[in-house]
Amino acid sequence: MDCNIWNSPQYKIRKKVLALANQYWIEDGRGNVLGYTKQKMLRLREDIRIYADESMTRELFWIHQEQVLDAWGTFAVVDTTANLCVGKIRRNIMSNILADEYFLLDPFGQTVGRVYEESGRGLIRKFLPLGGLVPEQVKVELYGHQVAEIRQQFKVIGDEWDVDCSGLPPQFDRRVLLAGMILMGMVERERDGN
């Protein structure tokens, strides 16, 4: 696998909803497909495999929930080829009533940052009629500094998120951020009924 694909300054996550299972594509800034995943229908815990394309023959990395009974929802992001954890993501369940928030962790479980939606916008999206049509704007912080912003494009059907990674430090594995975006798309949307 060419590791340079995880150094792109821009990514896009696209979600197709007119299918039996939710499907997601990871693209670079030029629209080249870098990864594909399909959400499993019945599961006790999240186990999300990211493949090179829709043929699902070459697995690139995977996201799995560490414990079945983990209320905090800690997810490991694993490089499939090396069988190595590159980072973790943990849901902040205390903030999920007002807005979505996930903590970004290093492979050893130490918090290094967060991905979060500002509460005002989150309240509108979650509780007002047709609030689900309000596009998400999510901020990314590492070590207390904002390094990226994720913007959802307005779509009546499907979802599309753009992220500018040019401010991310080179040592931060972008697969952890992409995994967080996919989790927010799968887990939060499913919970909110969108």
C-alpha atoms as a PDB file:
ATOM      1  CA  MET A   1       0.000   0.000   0.000  1.00  0.00           C
ATOM      2  CA  ASP A   2       1.189   3.504  -0.817  1.00  0.00           C
ATOM      3  CA  CYS A   3       1.256   5.267   2.569  1.00  0.00           C
ATOM      4  CA  ASN A   4       1.417   8.629   0.792  1.00  0.00           C
ATOM      5  CA  ILE A   5      -2.352   8.459   0.219  1.00  0.00           C
ATOM      6  CA  TRP A   6      -2.735   9.192   3.934  1.00  0.00           C
ATOM      7  CA  ASN A   7      -0.759  12.433   3.588  1.00  0.00           C
ATOM      8  CA  SER A   8      -3.211  14.239   1.323  1.00  0.00           C
ATOM      9  CA  PRO A   9      -3.929  17.865   2.302  1.00  0.00           C
ATOM     10  CA  GLN A  10      -7.645  17.381   1.551  1.00  0.00           C
ATOM     11  CA  TYR A  11     -10.151  14.547   1.852  1.00  0.00           C
ATOM     12  CA  LYS A  12     -13.800  14.010   1.149  1.00  0.00           C
ATOM     13  CA  ILE A  13     -16.114  11.427   2.725  1.00  0.00           C
ATOM     14  CA  ARG A  14     -19.199  10.557   0.691  1.00  0.00           C
ATOM     15  CA  LYS A  15     -22.141   8.551   2.002  1.00  0.00           C
ATOM     16  CA  LYS A  16     -24.673   6.750  -0.166  1.00  0.00           C
ATOM     17  CA  VAL A  17     -28.001   6.233   1.602  1.00  0.00           C
ATOM     18  CA  LEU A  18     -30.195   4.701  -1.103  1.00  0.00           C
ATOM     19  CA  ALA A  19     -28.835   1.243  -0.402  1.00  0.00           C
ATOM     20  CA  LEU A  20     -29.687  -1.532   2.045  1.00  0.00           C
ATOM     21  CA  ALA A  21     -26.555  -0.729   4.060  1.00  0.00           C
ATOM     22  CA  ASN A  22     -24.877   2.685   4.358  1.00  0.00           C
ATOM     23  CA  GLN A  23     -21.824   2.951   2.115  1.00  0.00           C
ATOM     24  CA  TYR A  24     -18.946   5.423   2.452  1.00  0.00           C
ATOM     25  CA  TRP A  25     -16.150   6.469   0.106  1.00  0.00           C
ATOM     26  CA  ILE A  26     -12.935   8.243   1.109  1.00  0.00           C
ATOM     27  CA  GLU A  27     -11.548  10.454  -1.664  1.00  0.00           C
ATOM     28  CA  ASP A  28      -8.546  12.733  -1.945  1.00  0.00           C
ATOM     29  CA  GLY A  29      -8.852  16.400  -2.969  1.00  0.00           C
ATOM     30  CA  ARG A  30      -8.902  15.456  -6.670  1.00  0.00           C
ATOM     31  CA  GLY A  31     -11.774  12.976  -6.299  1.00  0.00           C
ATOM     32  CA  ASN A  32      -9.643   9.814  -6.481  1.00  0.00           C
ATOM     33  CA  VAL A  33     -11.148   6.977  -4.419  1.00  0.00           C
ATOM     34  CA  LEU A  34      -8.784   5.990  -1.613  1.00  0.00           C
ATOM     35  CA  GLY A  35     -11.104   3.825   0.452  1.00  0.00           C
ATOM     36  CA  TYR A  36     -14.555   2.275   0.684  1.00  0.00           C
ATOM     37  CA  THR A  37     -16.624   0.763   3.484  1.00  0.00           C
ATOM     38  CA  LYS A  38     -20.097  -0.643   3.938  1.00  0.00           C
ATOM     39  CA  GLN A  39     -21.825  -0.644   7.326  1.00  0.00           C
ATOM     40  CA  LYS A  40     -22.764  -4.062   8.684  1.00  0.00           C
ATOM     41  CA  MET A  41     -26.458  -4.487   9.429  1.00  0.00           C
ATOM     42  CA  LEU A  42     -26.432  -6.594  12.621  1.00  0.00           C
ATOM     43  CA  ARG A  43     -23.606  -6.151  15.094  1.00  0.00           C
ATOM     44  CA  LEU A  44     -22.915  -6.225  18.829  1.00  0.00           C
ATOM     45  CA  ARG A  45     -20.096  -3.739  18.449  1.00  0.00           C
ATOM     46  CA  GLU A  46     -18.736  -1.636  15.610  1.00  0.00           C
ATOM     47  CA  ASP A  47     -16.262  -3.431  13.336  1.00  0.00           C
ATOM     48  CA  ILE A  48     -15.703  -1.246  10.282  1.00  0.00           C
ATOM     49  CA  ARG A  49     -13.343  -2.400   7.529  1.00  0.00           C
ATOM     50  CA  ILE A  50     -11.945   0.149   5.073  1.00  0.00           C
ATOM     51  CA  TYR A  51     -11.050  -1.353   1.682  1.00  0.00           C
ATOM     52  CA  ALA A  52      -9.182   0.069  -1.316  1.00  0.00           C
ATOM     53  CA  ASP A  53     -12.363   0.028  -3.434  1.00  0.00           C
ATOM     54  CA  GLU A  54     -15.855  -1.449  -3.809  1.00  0.00           C
ATOM     55  CA  SER A  55     -14.517  -4.906  -4.706  1.00  0.00           C
ATOM     56  CA  MET A  56     -13.559  -5.162  -0.989  1.00  0.00           C
ATOM     57  CA  THR A  57     -10.600  -7.427  -1.823  1.00  0.00           C
ATOM     58  CA  ARG A  58      -7.807  -5.346  -0.253  1.00  0.00           C
ATOM     59  CA  GLU A  59      -8.313  -4.138   3.295  1.00  0.00           C
ATOM     60  CA  LEU A  60      -6.418  -0.962   4.211  1.00  0.00           C
ATOM     61  CA  PHE A  61      -7.369  -0.301   7.821  1.00  0.00           C
ATOM     62  CA  TRP A  62     -10.150  -1.064  10.239  1.00  0.00           C
ATOM     63  CA  ILE A  63     -11.995   0.544  13.099  1.00  0.00           C
ATOM     64  CA  HIS A  64     -13.229  -1.617  15.921  1.00  0.00           C
ATOM     65  CA  GLN A  65     -14.941  -0.958  19.212  1.00  0.00           C
ATOM     66  CA  GLU A  66     -12.666  -2.258  21.949  1.00  0.00           C
ATOM     67  CA  GLN A  67     -15.352  -3.465  24.362  1.00  0.00           C
ATOM     68  CA  VAL A  68     -18.938  -4.610  23.794  1.00  0.00           C
ATOM     69  CA  LEU A  69     -20.115  -2.909  26.992  1.00  0.00           C
ATOM     70  CA  ASP A  70     -18.084   0.273  26.572  1.00  0.00           C
ATOM     71  CA  ALA A  71     -20.427   3.211  27.253  1.00  0.00           C
ATOM     72  CA  TRP A  72     -17.679   5.656  26.282  1.00  0.00           C
ATOM     73  CA  GLY A  73     -17.270   3.974  22.900  1.00  0.00           C
ATOM     74  CA  THR A  74     -13.501   3.604  22.460  1.00  0.00           C
ATOM     75  CA  PHE A  75     -12.534   2.610  18.921  1.00  0.00           C
ATOM     76  CA  ALA A  76      -9.086   1.455  17.784  1.00  0.00           C
ATOM     77  CA  VAL A  77      -7.860   2.378  14.289  1.00  0.00           C
ATOM     78  CA  VAL A  78      -5.633  -0.433  13.015  1.00  0.00           C
ATOM     79  CA  ASP A  79      -3.317  -0.540   9.994  1.00  0.00           C
ATOM     80  CA  THR A  80      -4.277  -3.905   8.497  1.00  0.00           C
ATOM     81  CA  THR A  81      -0.969  -4.600   6.732  1.00  0.00           C
ATOM     82  CA  ALA A  82       1.186  -4.020   9.817  1.00  0.00           C
ATOM     83  CA  ASN A  83      -1.534  -5.128  12.291  1.00  0.00           C
ATOM     84  CA  LEU A  84      -0.630  -2.015  14.268  1.00  0.00           C
ATOM     85  CA  CYS A  85      -2.877   0.410  16.136  1.00  0.00           C
ATOM     86  CA  VAL A  86      -2.251   3.903  14.736  1.00  0.00           C
ATOM     87  CA  GLY A  87      -4.585   5.707  17.148  1.00  0.00           C
ATOM     88  CA  LYS A  88      -7.907   5.573  18.942  1.00  0.00           C
ATOM     89  CA  ILE A  89     -11.150   7.497  19.059  1.00  0.00           C
ATOM     90  CA  ARG A  90     -13.437   7.787  22.079  1.00  0.00           C
ATOM     91  CA  ARG A  91     -16.945   9.179  22.038  1.00  0.00           C
ATOM     92  CA  ASN A  92     -17.705  11.838  24.639  1.00  0.00           C
ATOM     93  CA  ILE A  93     -21.151  10.695  25.731  1.00  0.00           C
ATOM     94  CA  MET A  94     -21.525  13.655  28.093  1.00  0.00           C
ATOM     95  CA  SER A  95     -21.632  16.132  25.219  1.00  0.00           C
ATOM     96  CA  ASN A  96     -23.693  14.082  22.748  1.00  0.00           C
ATOM     97  CA  ILE A  97     -26.988  15.572  23.940  1.00  0.00           C
ATOM     98  CA  LEU A  98     -25.969  19.043  22.763  1.00  0.00           C
ATOM     99  CA  ALA A  99     -23.470  18.244  20.030  1.00  0.00           C
ATOM    100  CA  ASP A 100     -21.253  15.446  18.772  1.00  0.00           C
ATOM    101  CA  GLU A 101     -17.734  15.171  20.189  1.00  0.00           C
ATOM    102  CA  TYR A 102     -15.026  12.542  19.876  1.00  0.00           C
ATOM    103  CA  PHE A 103     -11.606  12.517  21.534  1.00  0.00           C
ATOM    104  CA  LEU A 104      -8.566  11.657  19.413  1.00  0.00           C
ATOM    105  CA  LEU A 105      -6.139   9.378  21.249  1.00  0.00           C
ATOM    106  CA  ASP A 106      -2.655   8.113  20.516  1.00  0.00           C
ATOM    107  CA  PRO A 107      -2.135   4.314  20.198  1.00  0.00           C
ATOM    108  CA  PHE A 108      -1.588   4.117  23.982  1.00  0.00           C
ATOM    109  CA  GLY A 109      -4.908   5.766  24.834  1.00  0.00           C
ATOM    110  CA  GLN A 110      -3.607   9.243  25.739  1.00  0.00           C
ATOM    111  CA  THR A 111      -5.837  12.119  24.565  1.00  0.00           C
ATOM    112  CA  VAL A 112      -4.143  14.292  21.929  1.00  0.00           C
ATOM    113  CA  GLY A 113      -7.126  16.150  20.521  1.00  0.00           C
ATOM    114  CA  ARG A 114     -10.793  16.183  19.724  1.00  0.00           C
ATOM    115  CA  VAL A 115     -13.294  16.421  16.882  1.00  0.00           C
ATOM    116  CA  TYR A 116     -16.356  18.403  17.921  1.00  0.00           C
ATOM    117  CA  GLU A 117     -19.425  20.213  16.707  1.00  0.00           C
ATOM    118  CA  GLU A 118     -20.253  23.528  18.310  1.00  0.00           C
ATOM    119  CA  SER A 119     -23.258  23.099  20.618  1.00  0.00           C
ATOM    120  CA  GLY A 120     -25.498  25.799  19.106  1.00  0.00           C
ATOM    121  CA  ARG A 121     -25.395  24.291  15.654  1.00  0.00           C
ATOM    122  CA  GLY A 122     -25.749  20.791  17.148  1.00  0.00           C
ATOM    123  CA  LEU A 123     -28.909  21.816  19.029  1.00  0.00           C
ATOM    124  CA  ILE A 124     -30.464  23.162  15.836  1.00  0.00           C
ATOM    125  CA  ARG A 125     -29.581  20.008  13.892  1.00  0.00           C
ATOM    126  CA  LYS A 126     -30.836  17.621  16.577  1.00  0.00           C
ATOM    127  CA  PHE A 127     -33.947  19.260  17.963  1.00  0.00           C
ATOM    128  CA  LEU A 128     -35.559  21.675  15.499  1.00  0.00           C
ATOM    129  CA  PRO A 129     -37.925  20.481  12.760  1.00  0.00           C
ATOM    130  CA  LEU A 130     -35.906  19.913   9.580  1.00  0.00           C
ATOM    131  CA  GLY A 131     -32.758  20.598  11.619  1.00  0.00           C
ATOM    132  CA  GLY A 132     -31.140  17.596   9.972  1.00  0.00           C
ATOM    133  CA  LEU A 133     -30.911  19.691   6.800  1.00  0.00           C
ATOM    134  CA  VAL A 134     -28.495  22.105   8.512  1.00  0.00           C
ATOM    135  CA  PRO A 135     -24.980  21.115   7.375  1.00  0.00           C
ATOM    136  CA  GLU A 136     -22.513  20.116  10.087  1.00  0.00           C
ATOM    137  CA  GLN A 137     -19.433  22.188  10.786  1.00  0.00           C
ATOM    138  CA  VAL A 138     -16.989  20.235  12.893  1.00  0.00           C
ATOM    139  CA  LYS A 139     -13.694  21.490  14.290  1.00  0.00           C
ATOM    140  CA  VAL A 140     -10.546  19.440  14.858  1.00  0.00           C
ATOM    141  CA  GLU A 141      -8.141  20.270  17.681  1.00  0.00           C
ATOM    142  CA  LEU A 142      -4.753  18.731  18.429  1.00  0.00           C
ATOM    143  CA  TYR A 143      -2.870  19.631  21.601  1.00  0.00           C
ATOM    144  CA  GLY A 144      -5.293  22.516  22.240  1.00  0.00           C
ATOM    145  CA  HIS A 145      -4.966  24.153  18.810  1.00  0.00           C
ATOM    146  CA  GLN A 146      -7.502  24.071  15.994  1.00  0.00           C
ATOM    147  CA  VAL A 147      -5.838  22.339  13.032  1.00  0.00           C
ATOM    148  CA  ALA A 148      -8.726  21.521  10.700  1.00  0.00           C
ATOM    149  CA  GLU A 149     -12.404  22.037  10.020  1.00  0.00           C
ATOM    150  CA  ILE A 150     -14.789  19.510   8.545  1.00  0.00           C
ATOM    151  CA  ARG A 151     -17.641  20.921   6.497  1.00  0.00           C
ATOM    152  CA  GLN A 152     -20.678  18.973   5.423  1.00  0.00           C
ATOM    153  CA  GLN A 153     -22.019  19.899   1.995  1.00  0.00           C
ATOM    154  CA  PHE A 154     -25.774  20.456   1.788  1.00  0.00           C
ATOM    155  CA  LYS A 155     -27.434  17.382   0.263  1.00  0.00           C
ATOM    156  CA  VAL A 156     -31.072  16.344   0.461  1.00  0.00           C
ATOM    157  CA  ILE A 157     -30.078  12.711  -0.130  1.00  0.00           C
ATOM    158  CA  GLY A 158     -26.768  11.349   1.114  1.00  0.00           C
ATOM    159  CA  ASP A 159     -23.984  13.086   2.988  1.00  0.00           C
ATOM    160  CA  GLU A 160     -20.679  14.594   1.935  1.00  0.00           C
ATOM    161  CA  TRP A 161     -17.977  15.986   4.217  1.00  0.00           C
ATOM    162  CA  ASP A 162     -14.851  17.932   3.188  1.00  0.00           C
ATOM    163  CA  VAL A 163     -11.797  18.268   5.415  1.00  0.00           C
ATOM    164  CA  ASP A 164      -8.713  20.404   4.882  1.00  0.00           C
ATOM    165  CA  CYS A 165      -5.786  18.560   6.513  1.00  0.00           C
ATOM    166  CA  SER A 166      -3.101  21.059   5.529  1.00  0.00           C
ATOM    167  CA  GLY A 167      -2.852  22.264   9.157  1.00  0.00           C
ATOM    168  CA  LEU A 168      -2.413  18.780  10.648  1.00  0.00           C
ATOM    169  CA  PRO A 169       1.080  17.954  11.932  1.00  0.00           C
ATOM    170  CA  PRO A 170       2.781  15.389   9.654  1.00  0.00           C
ATOM    171  CA  GLN A 171       3.233  12.904  12.508  1.00  0.00           C
ATOM    172  CA  PHE A 172      -0.530  12.686  13.121  1.00  0.00           C
ATOM    173  CA  ASP A 173      -1.967   9.702  11.216  1.00  0.00           C
ATOM    174  CA  ARG A 174      -4.835  11.041   9.118  1.00  0.00           C
ATOM    175  CA  ARG A 175      -6.533   7.626   9.180  1.00  0.00           C
ATOM    176  CA  VAL A 176      -7.520   8.393  12.780  1.00  0.00           C
ATOM    177  CA  LEU A 177      -9.288  11.588  11.688  1.00  0.00           C
ATOM    178  CA  LEU A 178     -10.913   9.837   8.697  1.00  0.00           C
ATOM    179  CA  ALA A 179     -12.053   7.038  11.006  1.00  0.00           C
ATOM    180  CA  GLY A 180     -13.599   9.657  13.295  1.00  0.00           C
ATOM    181  CA  MET A 181     -15.481  11.158  10.361  1.00  0.00           C
ATOM    182  CA  ILE A 182     -16.812   7.754   9.311  1.00  0.00           C
ATOM    183  CA  LEU A 183     -17.828   6.968  12.894  1.00  0.00           C
ATOM    184  CA  MET A 184     -19.648  10.280  13.211  1.00  0.00           C
ATOM    185  CA  GLY A 185     -21.437   9.477   9.962  1.00  0.00           C
ATOM    186  CA  MET A 186     -22.372   5.920  10.937  1.00  0.00           C
ATOM    187  CA  VAL A 187     -22.913   6.026  14.679  1.00  0.00           C
ATOM    188  CA  GLU A 188     -24.314   9.519  15.225  1.00  0.00           C
ATOM    189  CA  ARG A 189     -26.546   9.505  12.155  1.00  0.00           C
ATOM    190  CA  GLU A 190     -27.933   6.091  13.096  1.00  0.00           C
ATOM    191  CA  ARG A 191     -28.566   7.250  16.671  1.00  0.00           C
ATOM    192  CA  ASP A 192     -30.266  10.419  15.499  1.00  0.00           C
ATOM    193  CA  GLY A 193     -32.369   8.445  13.010  1.00  0.00           C
ATOM    194  CA  ASN A 194     -30.954  10.230   9.928  1.00  0.00           C
END
